[in-house]
Protein backbone atom coordinates (compact mmCIF):
# COMPACT_ATOMS: atom_id res chain seq x y z
CA MET A 1 -47.79 -31.59 -22.92
CA ARG A 2 -47.47 -29.29 -25.90
CA THR A 3 -49.55 -26.15 -26.35
CA PRO A 4 -51.10 -24.94 -29.64
CA LYS A 5 -48.22 -22.47 -29.87
CA ASP A 6 -45.74 -25.36 -29.62
CA TYR A 7 -47.46 -27.20 -32.48
CA LEU A 8 -47.47 -24.03 -34.55
CA MET A 9 -43.71 -23.78 -34.04
CA LEU A 10 -43.34 -27.44 -35.06
CA THR A 11 -45.30 -26.71 -38.24
CA LEU A 12 -43.02 -23.74 -38.99
CA LYS A 13 -39.95 -25.93 -38.43
CA GLY A 14 -41.48 -28.48 -40.79
CA ALA A 15 -42.02 -25.70 -43.32
CA GLY A 16 -38.32 -24.87 -43.02
CA MET A 17 -37.48 -28.50 -43.68
CA GLY A 18 -39.77 -28.54 -46.71
CA ALA A 19 -38.22 -25.36 -48.07
CA ALA A 20 -34.75 -26.87 -47.74
CA ASP A 21 -35.83 -30.18 -49.26
CA VAL A 22 -36.73 -28.59 -52.59
CA ILE A 23 -33.23 -27.11 -52.93
CA PRO A 24 -30.52 -29.41 -54.35
CA GLY A 25 -27.66 -29.25 -51.87
CA VAL A 26 -29.63 -28.21 -48.78
CA SER A 27 -30.90 -30.87 -46.38
CA GLY A 28 -34.20 -30.79 -44.55
CA GLY A 29 -32.44 -32.91 -41.95
CA THR A 30 -30.03 -30.02 -41.38
CA ILE A 31 -32.98 -27.74 -40.60
CA ALA A 32 -34.43 -30.37 -38.25
CA PHE A 33 -31.02 -30.73 -36.62
CA MET A 34 -30.46 -27.03 -36.02
CA THR A 35 -34.03 -26.42 -34.80
CA GLY A 36 -33.75 -29.17 -32.20
CA ILE A 37 -36.33 -31.65 -33.50
CA PHE A 38 -34.07 -34.10 -35.34
CA GLU A 39 -33.78 -36.85 -32.72
CA GLU A 40 -37.49 -36.65 -31.82
CA LEU A 41 -38.33 -36.87 -35.52
CA VAL A 42 -36.20 -39.98 -36.00
CA SER A 43 -37.59 -41.55 -32.82
CA SER A 44 -41.19 -40.82 -33.84
CA ILE A 45 -40.76 -42.30 -37.31
CA ASN A 46 -39.00 -45.30 -35.79
CA SER A 47 -42.07 -45.95 -33.59
CA ILE A 48 -44.09 -46.83 -36.71
CA ASP A 49 -43.48 -50.56 -36.39
CA ALA A 50 -45.26 -53.91 -36.20
CA ASN A 51 -46.51 -53.10 -32.72
CA ALA A 52 -48.05 -49.88 -34.01
CA VAL A 53 -49.82 -51.83 -36.76
CA ARG A 54 -51.23 -54.31 -34.22
CA ILE A 55 -52.53 -51.48 -32.07
CA LEU A 56 -54.17 -49.86 -35.09
CA LEU A 57 -55.76 -53.11 -36.30
CA SER A 58 -57.19 -53.70 -32.81
CA GLY A 59 -59.13 -50.45 -33.17
CA ARG A 60 -57.27 -48.55 -30.42
CA ILE A 61 -56.86 -45.38 -32.46
CA ASN A 62 -55.90 -43.14 -29.53
CA ASP A 63 -53.23 -45.59 -28.35
CA PHE A 64 -51.90 -45.87 -31.91
CA TRP A 65 -51.72 -42.06 -32.22
CA LYS A 66 -49.81 -41.78 -28.93
CA HIS A 67 -47.51 -44.66 -29.85
CA ILE A 68 -46.32 -43.02 -33.06
CA HIS A 69 -46.26 -39.48 -31.59
CA GLY A 70 -48.93 -38.64 -34.13
CA SER A 71 -49.47 -35.01 -33.10
CA PHE A 72 -45.75 -34.27 -33.48
CA LEU A 73 -45.50 -36.02 -36.86
CA ALA A 74 -48.71 -34.38 -38.09
CA ALA A 75 -47.49 -30.89 -37.20
CA VAL A 76 -44.05 -31.35 -38.79
CA GLY A 77 -45.45 -33.25 -41.78
CA THR A 78 -48.06 -30.56 -42.45
CA GLY A 79 -45.35 -27.91 -42.53
CA ILE A 80 -43.19 -29.99 -44.89
CA LEU A 81 -46.04 -30.72 -47.32
CA LEU A 82 -47.34 -27.14 -47.39
CA SER A 83 -43.85 -25.81 -47.94
CA VAL A 84 -42.93 -28.28 -50.70
CA VAL A 85 -46.17 -27.71 -52.63
CA THR A 86 -46.12 -23.92 -52.31
CA LEU A 87 -42.38 -23.36 -52.73
CA ALA A 88 -41.59 -25.79 -55.56
CA LYS A 89 -42.30 -23.18 -58.24
CA LEU A 90 -40.63 -20.40 -56.25
CA MET A 91 -37.43 -22.40 -55.74
CA LEU A 92 -37.28 -23.36 -59.41
CA TYR A 93 -37.75 -19.67 -60.28
CA MET A 94 -35.09 -18.47 -57.81
CA LEU A 95 -32.57 -21.05 -58.99
CA ALA A 96 -33.24 -20.13 -62.62
CA HIS A 97 -33.20 -16.32 -62.23
CA HIS A 98 -31.24 -15.59 -59.03
CA PRO A 99 -28.87 -18.54 -58.51
CA ILE A 100 -26.07 -16.60 -56.81
CA GLU A 101 -28.35 -15.01 -54.21
CA THR A 102 -30.23 -18.28 -53.58
CA TRP A 103 -27.09 -20.37 -53.07
CA SER A 104 -25.50 -17.61 -50.96
CA PHE A 105 -28.48 -17.61 -48.60
CA PHE A 106 -28.25 -21.35 -48.06
CA PHE A 107 -24.47 -21.18 -47.81
CA GLY A 108 -24.89 -18.81 -44.86
CA LEU A 109 -27.50 -21.11 -43.31
CA ILE A 110 -25.25 -24.17 -43.52
CA VAL A 111 -22.12 -22.37 -42.23
CA ALA A 112 -24.00 -21.12 -39.17
CA SER A 113 -25.68 -24.45 -38.48
CA SER A 114 -22.31 -26.24 -38.78
CA ILE A 115 -20.80 -23.93 -36.18
CA PHE A 116 -23.61 -24.43 -33.66
CA ILE A 117 -23.74 -28.20 -34.18
CA LEU A 118 -19.99 -28.58 -33.59
CA ARG A 119 -20.13 -26.29 -30.55
CA GLY A 120 -22.84 -28.48 -29.04
CA ILE A 121 -20.69 -31.65 -29.15
CA LYS A 122 -18.68 -32.17 -25.95
CA GLY A 123 -15.54 -34.19 -25.21
CA TRP A 124 -13.48 -33.61 -28.35
CA ASN A 125 -10.43 -35.81 -28.95
CA ALA A 126 -8.36 -37.14 -31.85
CA ILE A 127 -11.00 -39.74 -32.74
CA SER A 128 -13.70 -37.04 -32.80
CA VAL A 129 -11.63 -34.98 -35.23
CA PHE A 130 -10.99 -38.05 -37.41
CA ILE A 131 -14.71 -38.93 -37.60
CA THR A 132 -15.57 -35.32 -38.49
CA ILE A 133 -12.96 -35.28 -41.27
CA VAL A 134 -14.33 -38.57 -42.62
CA GLY A 135 -17.79 -37.00 -42.65
CA ILE A 136 -16.47 -33.95 -44.49
CA LEU A 137 -14.76 -36.09 -47.12
CA LEU A 138 -17.87 -38.24 -47.60
CA GLY A 139 -20.00 -35.10 -47.92
CA ILE A 140 -17.67 -33.65 -50.54
CA THR A 141 -17.64 -36.95 -52.45
CA VAL A 142 -21.43 -37.25 -52.54
CA CYS A 143 -21.94 -33.59 -53.45
CA THR A 144 -19.50 -33.70 -56.36
CA LEU A 145 -21.13 -36.67 -58.07
CA SER A 146 -22.45 -35.87 -61.52
CA PRO A 147 -26.13 -36.26 -62.53
CA THR A 148 -26.92 -39.27 -64.67
CA LYS A 149 -29.62 -40.13 -67.21
CA THR A 150 -32.16 -42.53 -65.73
CA PRO A 151 -35.51 -44.02 -66.82
CA ASP A 152 -38.95 -42.60 -66.03
CA GLU A 153 -40.38 -46.06 -65.31
CA PRO A 154 -42.65 -46.52 -62.23
CA TRP A 155 -40.17 -48.80 -60.46
CA PHE A 156 -37.41 -46.20 -60.70
CA ILE A 157 -39.69 -43.40 -59.47
CA PHE A 158 -40.47 -45.60 -56.43
CA ILE A 159 -36.74 -46.21 -55.77
CA SER A 160 -36.00 -42.51 -56.24
CA GLY A 161 -38.55 -41.67 -53.54
CA ALA A 162 -37.03 -44.19 -51.13
CA LEU A 163 -33.47 -42.90 -51.65
CA ALA A 164 -34.40 -39.22 -51.60
CA ILE A 165 -36.38 -39.41 -48.36
CA CYS A 166 -33.44 -41.05 -46.58
CA ALA A 167 -31.28 -38.08 -47.54
CA MET A 168 -34.02 -35.59 -46.68
CA ILE A 169 -33.91 -36.53 -42.99
CA LEU A 170 -30.14 -36.98 -42.85
CA PRO A 171 -28.29 -33.73 -42.13
CA GLY A 172 -25.73 -32.78 -44.73
CA ILE A 173 -27.22 -34.77 -47.61
CA SER A 174 -29.95 -33.16 -49.67
CA GLY A 175 -32.81 -35.34 -50.88
CA SER A 176 -33.18 -32.97 -53.81
CA PHE A 177 -29.52 -33.42 -54.67
CA ILE A 178 -29.97 -37.19 -54.63
CA LEU A 179 -32.80 -36.65 -57.13
CA LEU A 180 -30.44 -34.45 -59.15
CA ILE A 181 -27.82 -37.23 -59.20
CA LEU A 182 -30.51 -39.71 -60.24
CA GLY A 183 -31.64 -37.33 -63.00
CA LYS A 184 -35.10 -36.94 -61.48
CA TYR A 185 -35.05 -33.50 -59.82
CA GLU A 186 -36.76 -31.52 -62.57
CA TYR A 187 -39.08 -34.46 -63.30
CA ILE A 188 -40.37 -34.64 -59.70
CA MET A 189 -40.41 -30.85 -59.15
CA GLY A 190 -42.33 -30.49 -62.39
CA ALA A 191 -44.88 -33.05 -61.21
CA ILE A 192 -45.29 -31.26 -57.86
CA SER A 193 -45.69 -27.82 -59.41
CA GLY A 194 -48.01 -29.39 -62.01
CA LEU A 195 -50.50 -30.25 -59.25
CA THR A 196 -51.46 -26.57 -59.15
CA THR A 197 -51.99 -26.34 -62.91
CA GLY A 198 -54.79 -28.91 -63.07
CA ASP A 199 -52.86 -31.64 -64.91
CA LEU A 200 -53.67 -34.20 -62.22
CA GLU A 201 -54.09 -37.23 -64.48
CA HIS A 202 -50.42 -37.18 -65.42
CA ASN A 203 -48.87 -35.85 -62.20
CA LEU A 204 -50.80 -37.66 -59.44
CA PRO A 205 -49.53 -41.17 -60.36
CA ILE A 206 -45.95 -39.85 -60.36
CA ILE A 207 -46.37 -38.21 -56.94
CA GLY A 208 -48.15 -41.33 -55.66
CA LEU A 209 -45.30 -43.65 -56.67
CA PHE A 210 -42.69 -41.27 -55.34
CA GLY A 211 -44.62 -40.90 -52.06
CA ALA A 212 -45.01 -44.67 -51.65
CA GLY A 213 -41.26 -45.12 -52.09
CA ALA A 214 -40.64 -42.31 -49.61
CA VAL A 215 -42.85 -43.92 -46.95
CA CYS A 216 -41.09 -47.28 -47.28
CA GLY A 217 -37.66 -45.69 -47.34
CA ILE A 218 -38.14 -43.45 -44.32
CA ILE A 219 -39.57 -46.23 -42.12
CA ILE A 220 -36.63 -48.53 -42.88
CA PHE A 221 -33.94 -45.87 -42.72
CA SER A 222 -35.24 -44.28 -39.51
CA LYS A 223 -34.74 -47.59 -37.71
CA ILE A 224 -31.09 -47.71 -38.81
CA LEU A 225 -30.54 -44.09 -37.82
CA HIS A 226 -32.36 -44.55 -34.49
CA TRP A 227 -30.10 -47.51 -33.68
CA LEU A 228 -26.98 -45.51 -34.54
CA LEU A 229 -28.07 -42.59 -32.37
CA GLY A 230 -28.85 -44.99 -29.54
CA HIS A 231 -25.54 -46.89 -29.65
CA PHE A 232 -23.10 -44.39 -31.19
CA HIS A 233 -24.70 -41.03 -30.43
CA LYS A 234 -21.63 -38.79 -30.40
CA GLN A 235 -19.98 -40.51 -33.36
CA THR A 236 -23.16 -40.27 -35.43
CA LEU A 237 -23.52 -36.55 -34.65
CA LEU A 238 -19.88 -35.94 -35.59
CA LEU A 239 -20.26 -37.80 -38.88
CA MET A 240 -23.43 -35.86 -39.72
CA ALA A 241 -21.77 -32.57 -38.78
CA GLY A 242 -18.95 -33.46 -41.16
CA PHE A 243 -21.48 -34.21 -43.89
CA ILE A 244 -23.03 -30.78 -43.38
CA ILE A 245 -19.64 -29.06 -43.71
CA GLY A 246 -18.77 -31.16 -46.76
CA SER A 247 -22.04 -30.19 -48.43
CA LEU A 248 -20.81 -26.59 -48.63
CA VAL A 249 -19.01 -27.46 -51.87
CA LYS A 250 -22.39 -27.97 -53.50
CA VAL A 251 -23.89 -24.65 -52.38
CA TRP A 252 -20.88 -22.45 -53.20
CA PRO A 253 -22.67 -19.57 -55.01
CA TRP A 254 -20.34 -19.48 -58.01
CA SER A 255 -19.83 -23.20 -58.52
CA ASN A 256 -22.34 -23.52 -61.39
CA THR A 257 -21.19 -21.08 -64.06
CA GLU A 258 -23.70 -22.40 -66.60
CA ALA A 259 -26.63 -21.64 -64.28
CA ILE A 260 -25.33 -18.10 -63.78
CA LYS A 261 -24.96 -17.62 -67.53
CA ALA A 262 -28.46 -18.96 -68.14
CA SER A 263 -29.93 -16.57 -65.55
CA GLN A 264 -28.22 -13.53 -67.09
CA PHE A 265 -28.62 -14.58 -70.73
CA PRO A 266 -32.12 -16.17 -70.73
CA ASP A 267 -32.40 -16.02 -74.52
CA ILE A 268 -29.41 -18.34 -74.91
CA THR A 269 -30.63 -21.80 -74.01
CA GLU A 270 -28.20 -24.13 -75.79
CA THR A 271 -25.34 -25.42 -73.66
CA ASP A 272 -22.73 -24.90 -76.37
CA ALA A 273 -23.90 -21.30 -76.83
CA LEU A 274 -23.73 -20.70 -73.08
CA CYS A 275 -20.18 -22.00 -73.06
CA ARG A 276 -19.26 -19.34 -75.60
CA VAL A 277 -20.40 -16.56 -73.25
CA PRO A 278 -17.21 -15.21 -71.61
CA THR A 279 -17.17 -15.47 -67.85
CA GLU A 280 -15.88 -11.90 -67.75
CA GLN A 281 -19.26 -10.70 -69.03
CA LEU A 282 -21.09 -12.11 -66.02
CA ASP A 283 -22.20 -10.03 -63.06
CA MET A 284 -21.14 -12.09 -60.04
CA HIS A 285 -23.35 -10.09 -57.63
CA TYR A 286 -20.72 -10.16 -54.89
CA ALA A 287 -22.48 -7.56 -52.75
CA ASN A 288 -25.81 -9.41 -53.03
CA ALA A 289 -24.09 -12.71 -52.27
CA ILE A 290 -22.55 -11.34 -49.07
CA LEU A 291 -25.87 -9.80 -48.02
CA PHE A 292 -27.85 -13.00 -48.59
CA ALA A 293 -25.19 -15.18 -46.95
CA LEU A 294 -25.17 -12.95 -43.87
CA THR A 295 -28.98 -13.03 -43.82
CA GLY A 296 -28.95 -16.82 -43.77
CA PHE A 297 -26.19 -16.85 -41.14
CA PHE A 298 -28.01 -14.46 -38.80
CA ILE A 299 -31.34 -16.26 -39.23
CA VAL A 300 -29.74 -19.42 -37.86
CA THR A 301 -28.01 -17.41 -35.14
CA GLY A 302 -31.32 -15.83 -34.16
CA ILE A 303 -33.04 -19.21 -34.05
CA GLU A 304 -30.24 -20.59 -31.86
CA ILE A 305 -30.45 -17.63 -29.45
CA LEU A 306 -34.25 -17.93 -29.22
CA SER A 307 -33.94 -21.67 -28.71
CA LYS A 308 -31.46 -21.24 -25.85
CA THR A 309 -33.63 -18.55 -24.26
CA SER A 310 -36.66 -20.82 -24.49
CA ARG A 311 -34.76 -23.75 -22.95
CA LYS A 312 -33.56 -21.57 -20.06
CA LYS A 313 -37.11 -20.38 -19.34
CA HIS A 314 -38.40 -23.93 -19.52
């Protein structure tokens, strides 16, 4: 039985997932993984099946709620939604004006979470190392794909939602980065932030289509992931840990020189003009980068220490 304090903590963990999900390169699944709710999240989503529908249609609301772990999903989902809606504008601002500090913070988060995830896996052997390396290579491959130009048609928005949500719950792969690859990151973030400006007629249909695709995608994908965790638990964790390490190439603070130029020369908006700005003129904010990376690292370390202390008391 969970207490109100437990559900508040679940909401905060969901908020952490939501905050990560709006950053291209950072996975909400990573946050779920390192806060200890990943497997319960996958299991709860997986319980939304034909049996759950039959229970609901029979009018047994309480049984349906228990079957799908509704209180858990509601707490985590509330945190995710609140965080995405409130932080969409902030994340766009931080990426536009303080890219080095923002990426450094998440670099520190991912490094720390990678360490703790790998430390938690027991029984290492040559096969374990091989699977981890495969995960790292796959993570690097996915994170170095280039964005493409794609249509704004309803069917593609639906597909984008389905693909992005799969990545959002999978550690190491960012749903936002999938949107970036599909050329839909700014489009969807703009629609989300537009909900607070009153332009609902244009933005609500976009969010609705994206959300419908996300619901379908997460229900299908959770069943695949639940099966993998049930039959190949250690191997799946190793592969996901490798993905997380591989994703570091995407969040390297100085990987996007154009974004750094744009943040320091806001009056120069054309790409060709930005390219003419010498790299030597840029302030690389090394001290800030180290400070923000260490902050992210020690936040994860603190969460891990608190989590272990809580488990010992329990």
